[in-house]
């Protein structure tokens, strides 16, 4: 069959690094199951996922059940085989993640019972959303023309299946081949290296085991099919994993998994969970493919990190929550920065505000020391040690990024406890820039707040014509306290004179379709105790 085309994953950046470490150059946890893999076990391995994680996370994945023996070159698979590697779940999950729309409700303890506890990654979904969720999701899906297929509020499973197979000419008929056996929950996970599809495990709840097994054997092209009660467990045909292994040590019984998932709360559309081994594997793959040298990253602080993410829906709003525990990182909490973010210019395209701690500043300085020429460049500006660096950066940082007449406008507010030292550094930098004939950067101070402005006057930051905090779109995505804030002003982006030109430069109109109904994007992050951090990604729609 023709594999359904997935639009580029818009990327689920889970939000700012844990508060107290906003300047620590650590990666974002993985974004979901890899897209682009073939639909029969043993074929091409999926592309790696994870955003440049640091070196040394965890140890090598545990040996034992779920690990696959060496395998000969995969045999050719029939291109007419249907959507799944042994079941409809792989296609449903892959397409849903590829679309960036997790049209499912709540993590399913039923499906999690079908995955072993040593999976490095798990995605779980319930295929029977509540009526309220279906209506809210339909309201959002209807804003995207390419998703206008099926009827989410009346026949949810059929509608999702229709959306993901609309480009296929030989997909099985849902009513005849899938509906008779497909249950309400599904889970997909990997043991060991997720780039090896032979490590994939899928658990699908069924309503008719006989029909489900027949479908899996017909369409799975040799995939191994086993059952735990009404759960169909599908693995590679050469897998040695048995259902007895899973029963003795299921993911749903893992204390680490339950603690992470429990922090997401109830009413999630879907959840994903990643264990500490995943980031080690992801880093190795990134280094192999890109040549990245991650030795300068403080891997020890995030070694054994693990976490979970979940998505919720309300009217014209999607909210993704990420929780991550880094047990080896220092327990730190930065100051609230929402008021600082609110004070930034209202016509900015993006604003960022973050709190710092002594530990975070120290870690960043150490990273700069190990980078080639990192501290040498700072020394030329009069920044000769971590104390100078701390005086310059301060305890709270606000950044704004905008455009005016096709030229960038960048501004920074740096709140410090040492304004005299900060001014001394400002004066040194300004003197060097003037001597070098580099115009356009202005420095100023207002009490303990240092101002740096590029492409605009310092007064534009001190006394902006409008403020981000006055925008309704900001209020919809940033509420309460936060130790890190990111706000994307989509309305300001759409108002740019070059907006249409930018859209026309993108292929297939995908960016235009994605941005058209979006009104704002916001990310907030906080420390949550016990070495946990929590981040929320909010997206609102017109």
Protein backbone atom coordinates (compact mmCIF):
# COMPACT_ATOMS: atom_id res chain seq x y z
CA UNK A 1 0.00 0.00 0.00
CA UNK A 2 0.99 3.60 -0.21
CA UNK A 3 2.08 4.81 3.18
CA UNK A 4 -0.13 7.72 4.31
CA UNK A 5 1.79 10.96 4.05
CA UNK A 6 2.41 12.66 7.34
CA UNK A 7 2.83 16.41 7.39
CA UNK A 8 5.99 17.52 9.15
CA UNK A 9 5.69 17.10 12.87
CA UNK A 10 5.33 20.68 14.15
CA UNK A 11 7.43 19.61 17.02
CA UNK A 12 6.28 19.34 20.61
CA UNK A 13 8.79 21.29 22.38
CA UNK A 14 7.89 20.66 25.93
CA UNK A 15 8.82 24.02 27.28
CA UNK A 16 11.58 25.66 29.23
CA UNK A 17 14.11 23.59 31.08
CA UNK A 18 13.33 23.14 34.72
CA UNK A 19 13.11 26.45 36.58
CA UNK A 20 16.27 27.39 38.34
CA UNK A 21 18.20 26.18 35.31
CA UNK A 22 16.78 28.26 32.46
CA UNK A 23 20.22 28.90 31.00
CA UNK A 24 21.48 25.35 31.33
CA UNK A 25 21.96 24.15 27.75
CA UNK A 26 20.11 20.92 28.29
CA UNK A 27 17.91 19.27 25.72
CA UNK A 28 14.21 18.81 25.47
CA UNK A 29 12.86 15.36 26.09
CA UNK A 30 11.70 13.33 23.13
CA UNK A 31 8.66 14.50 21.25
CA UNK A 32 6.82 11.32 20.59
CA UNK A 33 7.04 8.18 18.54
CA UNK A 34 9.28 8.54 15.51
CA UNK A 35 7.54 9.19 12.26
CA UNK A 36 8.36 7.81 8.88
CA UNK A 37 8.81 4.17 9.75
CA UNK A 38 7.46 1.42 7.57
CA UNK A 39 4.40 -0.41 8.70
CA UNK A 40 5.67 -3.98 8.79
CA UNK A 41 8.07 -5.21 11.45
CA UNK A 42 11.59 -5.76 10.21
CA UNK A 43 11.53 -3.05 7.60
CA UNK A 44 13.33 0.26 7.66
CA UNK A 45 14.01 1.53 11.16
CA UNK A 46 12.42 4.77 12.25
CA UNK A 47 14.31 8.00 12.25
CA UNK A 48 15.67 9.05 15.61
CA UNK A 49 13.84 11.42 17.80
CA UNK A 50 14.88 13.54 20.74
CA UNK A 51 16.43 16.95 20.58
CA UNK A 52 20.16 16.65 21.11
CA UNK A 53 20.13 15.09 24.57
CA UNK A 54 23.30 15.25 26.64
CA UNK A 55 25.84 12.54 26.80
CA UNK A 56 25.85 9.85 29.40
CA UNK A 57 22.20 9.65 30.37
CA UNK A 58 21.60 6.45 32.21
CA UNK A 59 23.30 3.21 31.36
CA UNK A 60 22.84 0.88 28.46
CA UNK A 61 19.33 -0.53 28.19
CA UNK A 62 18.86 -3.62 30.35
CA UNK A 63 19.30 -6.96 28.80
CA UNK A 64 16.53 -9.45 29.11
CA UNK A 65 13.08 -9.95 27.77
CA UNK A 66 12.08 -7.68 24.95
CA UNK A 67 15.61 -7.57 23.47
CA UNK A 68 15.95 -8.99 20.01
CA UNK A 69 18.59 -11.42 18.71
CA UNK A 70 20.72 -10.52 15.68
CA UNK A 71 18.68 -10.76 12.54
CA UNK A 72 19.47 -11.30 8.91
CA UNK A 73 18.72 -8.65 6.34
CA UNK A 74 14.96 -8.15 6.28
CA UNK A 75 13.07 -9.82 3.54
CA UNK A 76 11.00 -7.81 1.13
CA UNK A 77 7.51 -7.06 2.38
CA UNK A 78 4.36 -6.76 0.34
CA UNK A 79 3.50 -3.15 -0.44
CA UNK A 80 -0.17 -4.06 -0.52
CA UNK A 81 -0.27 -4.95 3.13
CA UNK A 82 -2.62 -2.81 5.18
CA UNK A 83 -2.11 0.02 7.59
CA UNK A 84 -0.56 -1.86 10.45
CA UNK A 85 2.33 -3.93 11.63
CA UNK A 86 0.05 -6.61 12.97
CA UNK A 87 -2.80 -4.21 13.87
CA UNK A 88 -4.30 -0.84 13.17
CA UNK A 89 -2.64 0.74 16.18
CA UNK A 90 0.75 1.51 14.64
CA UNK A 91 -0.81 3.54 11.86
CA UNK A 92 -3.18 5.32 14.20
CA UNK A 93 -0.39 6.31 16.55
CA UNK A 94 2.15 7.20 13.87
CA UNK A 95 -0.27 9.33 11.92
CA UNK A 96 -1.63 11.04 15.02
CA UNK A 97 1.84 12.01 16.19
CA UNK A 98 2.87 13.04 12.68
CA UNK A 99 -0.11 15.34 12.45
CA UNK A 100 0.64 16.81 15.83
CA UNK A 101 -2.95 16.08 16.86
CA UNK A 102 -3.34 13.57 19.65
CA UNK A 103 -7.02 12.90 19.13
CA UNK A 104 -7.31 10.48 22.03
CA UNK A 105 -8.43 10.63 25.61
CA UNK A 106 -6.51 9.73 28.73
CA UNK A 107 -3.71 7.25 29.25
CA UNK A 108 -5.11 3.77 29.31
CA UNK A 109 -4.12 1.43 32.14
CA UNK A 110 -5.61 -1.42 30.10
CA UNK A 111 -3.18 -0.97 27.22
CA UNK A 112 -0.23 -0.29 29.55
CA UNK A 113 -0.74 -3.79 30.96
CA UNK A 114 0.40 -5.08 27.57
CA UNK A 115 3.84 -3.43 27.62
CA UNK A 116 6.85 -4.72 29.58
CA UNK A 117 8.32 -2.53 32.31
CA UNK A 118 11.67 -2.21 30.51
CA UNK A 119 10.32 -0.17 27.59
CA UNK A 120 12.31 3.00 27.03
CA UNK A 121 9.35 4.84 25.57
CA UNK A 122 5.57 4.38 25.63
CA UNK A 123 2.68 6.16 23.96
CA UNK A 124 -0.81 5.41 25.25
CA UNK A 125 -4.23 6.43 24.03
CA UNK A 126 -7.89 5.69 24.47
CA UNK A 127 -9.89 5.49 21.26
CA UNK A 128 -13.17 6.35 22.98
CA UNK A 129 -13.01 10.03 23.98
CA UNK A 130 -15.73 11.69 26.01
CA UNK A 131 -18.40 13.59 24.10
CA UNK A 132 -17.02 16.90 25.36
CA UNK A 133 -13.54 16.03 24.13
CA UNK A 134 -14.83 14.92 20.75
CA UNK A 135 -16.72 18.16 20.26
CA UNK A 136 -13.72 20.26 21.29
CA UNK A 137 -11.40 18.28 19.04
CA UNK A 138 -13.79 18.51 16.13
CA UNK A 139 -13.91 22.27 16.59
CA UNK A 140 -10.12 22.42 16.24
CA UNK A 141 -9.83 19.82 13.47
CA UNK A 142 -12.40 21.64 11.36
CA UNK A 143 -10.04 24.63 11.26
CA UNK A 144 -7.55 22.55 9.22
CA UNK A 145 -8.84 21.72 5.71
CA UNK A 146 -6.58 18.68 5.34
CA UNK A 147 -8.20 17.11 8.42
CA UNK A 148 -11.77 17.54 7.23
CA UNK A 149 -12.58 13.86 6.95
CA UNK A 150 -15.07 11.77 8.87
CA UNK A 151 -17.28 12.72 11.78
CA UNK A 152 -15.34 12.85 15.03
CA UNK A 153 -18.33 13.39 17.27
CA UNK A 154 -20.42 10.44 16.03
CA UNK A 155 -17.97 7.76 14.85
CA UNK A 156 -14.62 8.71 16.29
CA UNK A 157 -12.53 5.68 15.36
CA UNK A 158 -13.80 5.62 11.80
CA UNK A 159 -13.15 9.36 11.43
CA UNK A 160 -9.55 9.07 12.65
CA UNK A 161 -8.98 6.07 10.40
CA UNK A 162 -10.37 8.00 7.43
CA UNK A 163 -8.08 10.95 8.13
CA UNK A 164 -4.91 8.87 8.26
CA UNK A 165 -5.74 6.74 5.23
CA UNK A 166 -7.14 9.41 2.93
CA UNK A 167 -4.01 9.24 0.72
CA UNK A 168 -4.13 5.45 0.50
CA UNK A 169 -5.81 3.55 -2.31
CA UNK A 170 -5.56 0.06 -0.84
CA UNK A 171 -6.24 0.50 2.87
CA UNK A 172 -8.56 -2.12 4.36
CA UNK A 173 -12.17 -1.18 4.72
CA UNK A 174 -12.64 0.00 8.30
CA UNK A 175 -16.22 -1.21 8.73
CA UNK A 176 -15.51 -4.66 7.33
CA UNK A 177 -11.98 -5.39 8.51
CA UNK A 178 -11.25 -3.34 11.63
CA UNK A 179 -14.40 -2.19 13.38
CA UNK A 180 -15.49 -5.76 14.27
CA UNK A 181 -12.55 -6.23 16.63
CA UNK A 182 -10.95 -2.87 17.56
CA UNK A 183 -11.36 -1.96 21.23
CA UNK A 184 -10.98 1.33 23.04
CA UNK A 185 -7.33 1.45 24.12
CA UNK A 186 -3.93 1.18 22.52
CA UNK A 187 -0.29 1.43 23.60
CA UNK A 188 2.97 1.36 21.70
CA UNK A 189 6.45 1.10 23.17
CA UNK A 190 10.07 0.23 22.48
CA UNK A 191 12.54 -1.87 24.41
CA UNK A 192 16.16 -0.94 23.95
CA UNK A 193 17.05 1.19 20.95
CA UNK A 194 13.91 2.79 19.47
CA UNK A 195 15.69 3.26 16.15
CA UNK A 196 15.45 -0.51 15.66
CA UNK A 197 11.85 -1.30 14.74
CA UNK A 198 12.34 -4.89 15.82
CA UNK A 199 12.16 -3.55 19.38
CA UNK A 200 8.64 -2.20 18.86
CA UNK A 201 5.82 -3.63 20.96
CA UNK A 202 2.15 -2.80 20.52
CA UNK A 203 -0.82 -3.63 22.71
CA UNK A 204 -4.35 -3.18 21.37
CA UNK A 205 -7.56 -3.80 23.28
CA UNK A 206 -9.90 -6.02 21.28
CA UNK A 207 -13.57 -6.87 21.33
CA UNK A 208 -13.18 -10.11 19.35
CA UNK A 209 -9.88 -11.93 19.77
CA UNK A 210 -10.47 -14.30 16.88
CA UNK A 211 -11.15 -11.55 14.34
CA UNK A 212 -8.30 -9.43 15.69
CA UNK A 213 -5.80 -12.26 15.41
CA UNK A 214 -6.96 -13.10 11.90
CA UNK A 215 -6.54 -9.48 10.81
CA UNK A 216 -3.10 -9.23 12.41
CA UNK A 217 -1.88 -12.41 10.77
CA UNK A 218 -3.23 -11.38 7.37
CA UNK A 219 -1.88 -7.85 7.46
CA UNK A 220 1.07 -8.11 9.85
CA UNK A 221 3.24 -10.06 7.44
CA UNK A 222 4.61 -12.46 10.01
CA UNK A 223 4.35 -10.34 13.14
CA UNK A 224 4.11 -12.35 16.34
CA UNK A 225 0.66 -12.11 17.95
CA UNK A 226 -0.09 -13.02 21.58
CA UNK A 227 -2.90 -12.21 24.00
CA UNK A 228 -3.23 -11.11 27.60
CA UNK A 229 -6.94 -11.50 28.19
CA UNK A 230 -8.48 -9.15 25.59
CA UNK A 231 -5.21 -7.34 24.87
CA UNK A 232 -3.54 -8.26 21.59
CA UNK A 233 0.24 -7.95 21.98
CA UNK A 234 2.13 -7.59 18.71
CA UNK A 235 5.91 -7.88 18.38
CA UNK A 236 8.46 -8.62 15.69
CA UNK A 237 8.22 -12.12 14.33
CA UNK A 238 11.60 -13.03 15.87
CA UNK A 239 10.93 -11.48 19.26
CA UNK A 240 11.50 -13.67 22.31
CA UNK A 241 9.21 -11.57 24.50
CA UNK A 242 6.37 -13.60 25.97
CA UNK A 243 3.14 -12.51 27.59
CA UNK A 244 4.26 -14.31 30.75
CA UNK A 245 7.21 -11.91 30.93
CA UNK A 246 4.85 -8.96 30.60
CA UNK A 247 2.44 -10.27 33.22
CA UNK A 248 5.27 -10.59 35.72
CA UNK A 249 6.64 -7.10 35.08
CA UNK A 250 4.24 -4.80 33.22
CA UNK A 251 4.82 -1.11 32.61
CA UNK A 252 1.53 -0.31 34.32
CA UNK A 253 3.00 -1.72 37.55
CA UNK A 254 6.24 0.30 37.43
CA UNK A 255 6.47 2.73 40.35
CA UNK A 256 8.53 5.17 38.28
CA UNK A 257 5.99 5.11 35.48
CA UNK A 258 3.04 5.51 37.83
CA UNK A 259 4.68 8.46 39.60
CA UNK A 260 5.37 10.29 36.33
CA UNK A 261 1.97 9.63 34.78
CA UNK A 262 0.23 10.50 38.04
CA UNK A 263 1.68 14.01 37.93
CA UNK A 264 -0.10 14.67 34.64
CA UNK A 265 -3.49 14.58 36.33
CA UNK A 266 -6.76 13.29 34.89
CA UNK A 267 -8.50 13.99 31.59
CA UNK A 268 -5.53 13.79 29.23
CA UNK A 269 -6.22 13.14 25.57
CA UNK A 270 -3.09 11.04 25.31
CA UNK A 271 0.10 10.42 27.24
CA UNK A 272 3.65 9.48 26.47
CA UNK A 273 6.32 8.33 28.90
CA UNK A 274 10.08 8.05 28.52
CA UNK A 275 12.52 6.22 30.73
CA UNK A 276 16.12 7.17 31.55
CA UNK A 277 17.61 4.82 28.95
CA UNK A 278 15.93 6.59 26.05
CA UNK A 279 18.04 9.74 26.21
CA UNK A 280 21.30 7.79 26.12
CA UNK A 281 20.20 6.02 22.96
CA UNK A 282 18.97 9.23 21.37
CA UNK A 283 22.27 11.01 22.03
CA UNK A 284 24.26 8.19 20.51
CA UNK A 285 22.17 8.32 17.37
CA UNK A 286 22.40 12.12 17.11
CA UNK A 287 26.17 11.98 17.51
CA UNK A 288 26.47 9.28 14.85
CA UNK A 289 24.30 11.12 12.34
CA UNK A 290 25.42 14.70 12.96
CA UNK A 291 28.87 14.43 14.49
CA UNK A 292 27.68 16.43 17.51
CA UNK A 293 30.16 16.58 20.37
CA UNK A 294 28.14 16.75 23.57
CA UNK A 295 31.07 16.48 25.97
CA UNK A 296 30.59 20.08 27.11
CA UNK A 297 27.06 19.39 28.35
CA UNK A 298 26.65 18.63 32.04
CA UNK A 299 25.27 15.13 31.61
CA UNK A 300 25.65 14.19 35.27
CA UNK A 301 22.99 16.71 36.33
CA UNK A 302 20.40 15.06 34.10
CA UNK A 303 21.58 11.46 34.25
CA UNK A 304 18.67 9.09 34.86
CA UNK A 305 16.11 11.76 33.93
CA UNK A 306 12.68 10.44 33.03
CA UNK A 307 9.23 11.90 32.60
CA UNK A 308 5.86 12.01 30.93
CA UNK A 309 3.69 14.28 28.83
CA UNK A 310 -0.04 14.58 28.33
CA UNK A 311 -2.40 16.63 26.21
CA UNK A 312 -5.72 18.21 27.18
CA UNK A 313 -8.30 20.06 25.13
CA UNK A 314 -10.81 22.80 25.82
CA UNK A 315 -12.71 25.14 23.54
CA UNK A 316 -10.22 26.45 20.97
CA UNK A 317 -7.25 25.51 23.12
CA UNK A 318 -4.79 22.64 23.38
CA UNK A 319 -2.55 22.25 26.42
CA UNK A 320 0.40 19.88 26.62
CA UNK A 321 1.96 19.23 30.01
CA UNK A 322 5.45 17.85 30.51
CA UNK A 323 6.79 16.56 33.81
CA UNK A 324 10.39 15.49 34.15
CA UNK A 325 12.40 14.28 37.11
CA UNK A 326 16.17 14.75 37.05
CA UNK A 327 17.21 13.03 40.30
CA UNK A 328 20.87 14.05 39.99
CA UNK A 329 20.21 17.72 39.27
CA UNK A 330 20.35 20.25 42.12
CA UNK A 331 17.03 21.08 43.72
CA UNK A 332 16.59 24.72 42.73
CA UNK A 333 13.76 27.16 42.14
CA UNK A 334 13.97 30.48 40.35
CA UNK A 335 11.87 33.61 40.92
CA UNK A 336 8.49 34.31 39.34
CA UNK A 337 8.93 36.19 36.03
CA UNK A 338 5.39 36.67 34.73
CA UNK A 339 5.32 40.37 35.61
CA UNK A 340 8.62 40.87 33.77
CA UNK A 341 7.22 39.16 30.68
CA UNK A 342 4.10 41.32 30.85
CA UNK A 343 6.20 44.50 30.78
CA UNK A 344 7.80 43.74 27.40
CA UNK A 345 6.65 45.46 24.17
CA UNK A 346 3.22 44.38 22.94
CA UNK A 347 4.24 44.45 19.26
CA UNK A 348 7.06 41.94 19.78
CA UNK A 349 6.87 38.71 17.79
CA UNK A 350 8.16 36.73 20.75
CA UNK A 351 9.03 37.35 24.38
CA UNK A 352 11.01 35.19 26.76
CA UNK A 353 11.42 35.62 30.50
CA UNK A 354 13.33 33.39 32.88
CA UNK A 355 14.63 33.37 36.40
CA UNK A 356 18.16 32.34 37.26
CA UNK A 357 19.95 30.87 40.25
CA UNK A 358 23.58 30.90 41.30
CA UNK A 359 23.77 27.23 40.33
CA UNK A 360 22.44 27.88 36.84
CA UNK A 361 24.79 30.81 36.26
CA UNK A 362 27.71 28.71 37.50
CA UNK A 363 26.83 25.84 35.20
CA UNK A 364 26.56 28.15 32.20
CA UNK A 365 29.90 29.76 33.01
CA UNK A 366 31.51 26.32 33.29
CA UNK A 367 30.08 25.43 29.90
CA UNK A 368 31.51 28.62 28.40
CA UNK A 369 34.90 27.83 29.91
CA UNK A 370 35.01 24.48 28.12
CA UNK A 371 33.93 25.97 24.79
CA UNK A 372 36.71 27.12 22.47
CA UNK A 373 37.28 30.82 23.06
CA UNK A 374 34.10 31.15 25.10
CA UNK A 375 35.43 33.06 28.09
CA UNK A 376 38.17 34.81 26.08
CA UNK A 377 35.51 36.74 24.17
CA UNK A 378 33.79 37.72 27.42
CA UNK A 379 37.07 38.84 28.96
CA UNK A 380 37.43 41.44 26.21
CA UNK A 381 34.20 42.98 27.55
CA UNK A 382 35.46 43.05 31.13
CA UNK A 383 33.76 39.81 32.19
CA UNK A 384 36.64 37.92 33.78
CA UNK A 385 34.87 35.49 36.08
CA UNK A 386 31.58 34.00 37.16
CA UNK A 387 30.90 36.90 39.57
CA UNK A 388 31.08 39.41 36.71
CA UNK A 389 28.88 37.16 34.62
CA UNK A 390 26.31 36.91 37.42
CA UNK A 391 26.28 40.70 37.87
CA UNK A 392 25.61 41.17 34.15
CA UNK A 393 22.86 38.55 33.75
CA UNK A 394 21.16 39.13 37.08
CA UNK A 395 18.39 37.11 38.69
CA UNK A 396 15.64 37.73 36.10
CA UNK A 397 15.99 38.08 32.33
CA UNK A 398 13.40 39.31 29.84
CA UNK A 399 13.92 39.22 26.07
CA UNK A 400 11.80 40.58 23.22
CA UNK A 401 12.19 39.92 19.50
CA UNK A 402 10.40 41.96 16.86
CA UNK A 403 10.62 43.40 13.35
CA UNK A 404 10.27 46.94 12.05
CA UNK A 405 10.60 47.82 8.39
CA UNK A 406 12.15 44.45 7.67
CA UNK A 407 14.85 44.98 10.31
CA UNK A 408 15.09 43.01 13.56
CA UNK A 409 14.46 44.61 16.93
CA UNK A 410 15.88 42.80 19.93
CA UNK A 411 15.66 43.96 23.53
CA UNK A 412 16.72 42.64 26.91
CA UNK A 413 15.85 43.53 30.49
CA UNK A 414 18.39 42.23 33.02
CA UNK A 415 17.45 42.61 36.69
CA UNK A 416 20.55 42.43 38.87
CA UNK A 417 21.54 42.77 42.52
CA UNK A 418 24.75 44.54 41.44
CA UNK A 419 23.68 47.45 39.20
CA UNK A 420 27.00 49.30 39.61
CA UNK A 421 28.99 46.33 38.34
CA UNK A 422 26.48 45.77 35.57
CA UNK A 423 26.83 49.41 34.45
CA UNK A 424 30.61 49.08 34.47
CA UNK A 425 30.32 46.09 32.14
CA UNK A 426 27.78 47.90 29.96
CA UNK A 427 30.14 50.86 29.61
CA UNK A 428 33.01 48.58 28.64
CA UNK A 429 30.97 46.78 26.01
CA UNK A 430 29.61 50.04 24.61
CA UNK A 431 33.10 51.53 24.37
CA UNK A 432 34.41 48.53 22.44
CA UNK A 433 31.43 48.54 20.08
CA UNK A 434 31.82 52.23 19.37
CA UNK A 435 35.55 51.83 18.76
CA UNK A 436 34.82 48.98 16.38
CA UNK A 437 32.27 50.99 14.45
CA UNK A 438 29.40 48.69 15.38
CA UNK A 439 26.27 50.85 15.69
CA UNK A 440 22.69 50.09 16.63
CA UNK A 441 23.10 48.74 20.18
CA UNK A 442 21.97 50.95 23.06
CA UNK A 443 22.58 50.43 26.79
CA UNK A 444 20.71 51.99 29.71
CA UNK A 445 19.74 51.34 33.31
CA UNK A 446 16.56 51.93 35.27
CA UNK A 447 17.31 51.25 38.92
CA UNK A 448 18.48 47.65 39.17
CA UNK A 449 17.31 46.80 35.64
CA UNK A 450 19.78 46.94 32.79
CA UNK A 451 18.49 47.58 29.28
CA UNK A 452 20.09 46.38 26.05
CA UNK A 453 18.36 47.40 22.81
CA UNK A 454 19.23 46.56 19.22
CA UNK A 455 17.44 48.18 16.28
CA UNK A 456 15.44 50.39 18.65
CA UNK A 457 15.93 52.86 21.46
CA UNK A 458 16.22 51.78 25.08
CA UNK A 459 13.08 53.83 25.76
CA UNK A 460 11.08 51.40 23.62
CA UNK A 461 11.74 48.82 26.33
CA UNK A 462 11.39 51.15 29.29
CA UNK A 463 8.18 52.79 28.04
CA UNK A 464 6.66 50.68 25.26
CA UNK A 465 3.59 51.98 23.43
CA UNK A 466 1.82 48.74 24.40
CA UNK A 467 2.71 45.82 26.60
CA UNK A 468 2.45 42.08 26.07
CA UNK A 469 0.58 41.74 29.35
CA UNK A 470 -2.32 43.76 27.93
CA UNK A 471 -2.92 41.31 25.07
CA UNK A 472 -5.83 38.89 25.42
CA UNK A 473 -3.81 36.27 23.56
CA UNK A 474 -1.07 36.49 26.20
CA UNK A 475 -3.57 36.18 29.04
CA UNK A 476 -5.00 33.03 27.44
CA UNK A 477 -1.68 31.18 27.51
CA UNK A 478 0.17 32.69 30.50
CA UNK A 479 -1.73 32.58 33.77
CA UNK A 480 -0.55 32.39 37.35
CA UNK A 481 3.08 32.21 38.46
CA UNK A 482 5.91 30.92 36.29
CA UNK A 483 9.67 30.72 36.61
CA UNK A 484 10.08 30.59 32.82
CA UNK A 485 7.82 32.05 30.11
CA UNK A 486 7.84 31.95 26.31
CA UNK A 487 5.13 33.74 24.31
CA UNK A 488 4.77 33.72 20.53
CA UNK A 489 2.65 36.62 19.32
CA UNK A 490 1.08 35.01 16.27
CA UNK A 491 -1.14 38.03 15.59
CA UNK A 492 1.96 40.23 15.34
CA UNK A 493 3.57 37.71 13.00
CA UNK A 494 0.55 37.71 10.71
CA UNK A 495 0.59 41.52 10.65
CA UNK A 496 4.11 41.67 9.20
CA UNK A 497 4.27 43.10 5.65
CA UNK A 498 6.42 40.13 4.60
CA UNK A 499 4.12 37.50 6.11
CA UNK A 500 2.61 36.41 2.79
CA UNK A 501 6.06 36.26 1.20
CA UNK A 502 7.23 34.02 4.02
CA UNK A 503 4.26 31.70 3.55
CA UNK A 504 4.79 31.51 -0.20
CA UNK A 505 8.37 30.38 0.35
CA UNK A 506 7.19 27.25 2.16
CA UNK A 507 6.27 24.12 0.17
CA UNK A 508 2.76 22.72 -0.09
CA UNK A 509 1.15 25.47 1.98
CA UNK A 510 1.66 23.45 5.16
CA UNK A 511 2.88 26.37 7.25
CA UNK A 512 0.00 28.55 6.09
CA UNK A 513 -2.56 25.90 7.01
CA UNK A 514 -0.98 25.39 10.42
CA UNK A 515 -0.72 29.09 11.30
CA UNK A 516 -4.04 30.27 9.86
CA UNK A 517 -6.25 29.24 12.82
CA UNK A 518 -3.60 29.72 15.54
CA UNK A 519 -3.86 32.90 17.61
CA UNK A 520 -1.11 32.41 20.21
CA UNK A 521 1.41 29.98 21.64
CA UNK A 522 2.70 30.12 25.19
CA UNK A 523 5.03 28.04 27.35
CA UNK A 524 5.36 28.30 31.12
CA UNK A 525 7.60 26.30 33.42
CA UNK A 526 8.05 25.80 37.15
CA UNK A 527 9.98 23.67 39.58
CA UNK A 528 7.69 21.14 41.23
CA UNK A 529 9.74 19.65 44.08
CA UNK A 530 11.50 16.30 44.41
CA UNK A 531 13.71 17.21 41.43
CA UNK A 532 10.65 17.46 39.16
CA UNK A 533 9.97 20.29 36.73
CA UNK A 534 6.63 21.00 35.08
CA UNK A 535 6.08 22.80 31.79
CA UNK A 536 2.91 23.67 29.92
CA UNK A 537 2.58 24.38 26.22
CA UNK A 538 -0.65 26.23 25.39
CA UNK A 539 -1.90 26.78 21.83
CA UNK A 540 -5.04 28.84 21.21
CA UNK A 541 -7.10 29.00 18.04
CA UNK A 542 -9.29 31.70 16.51
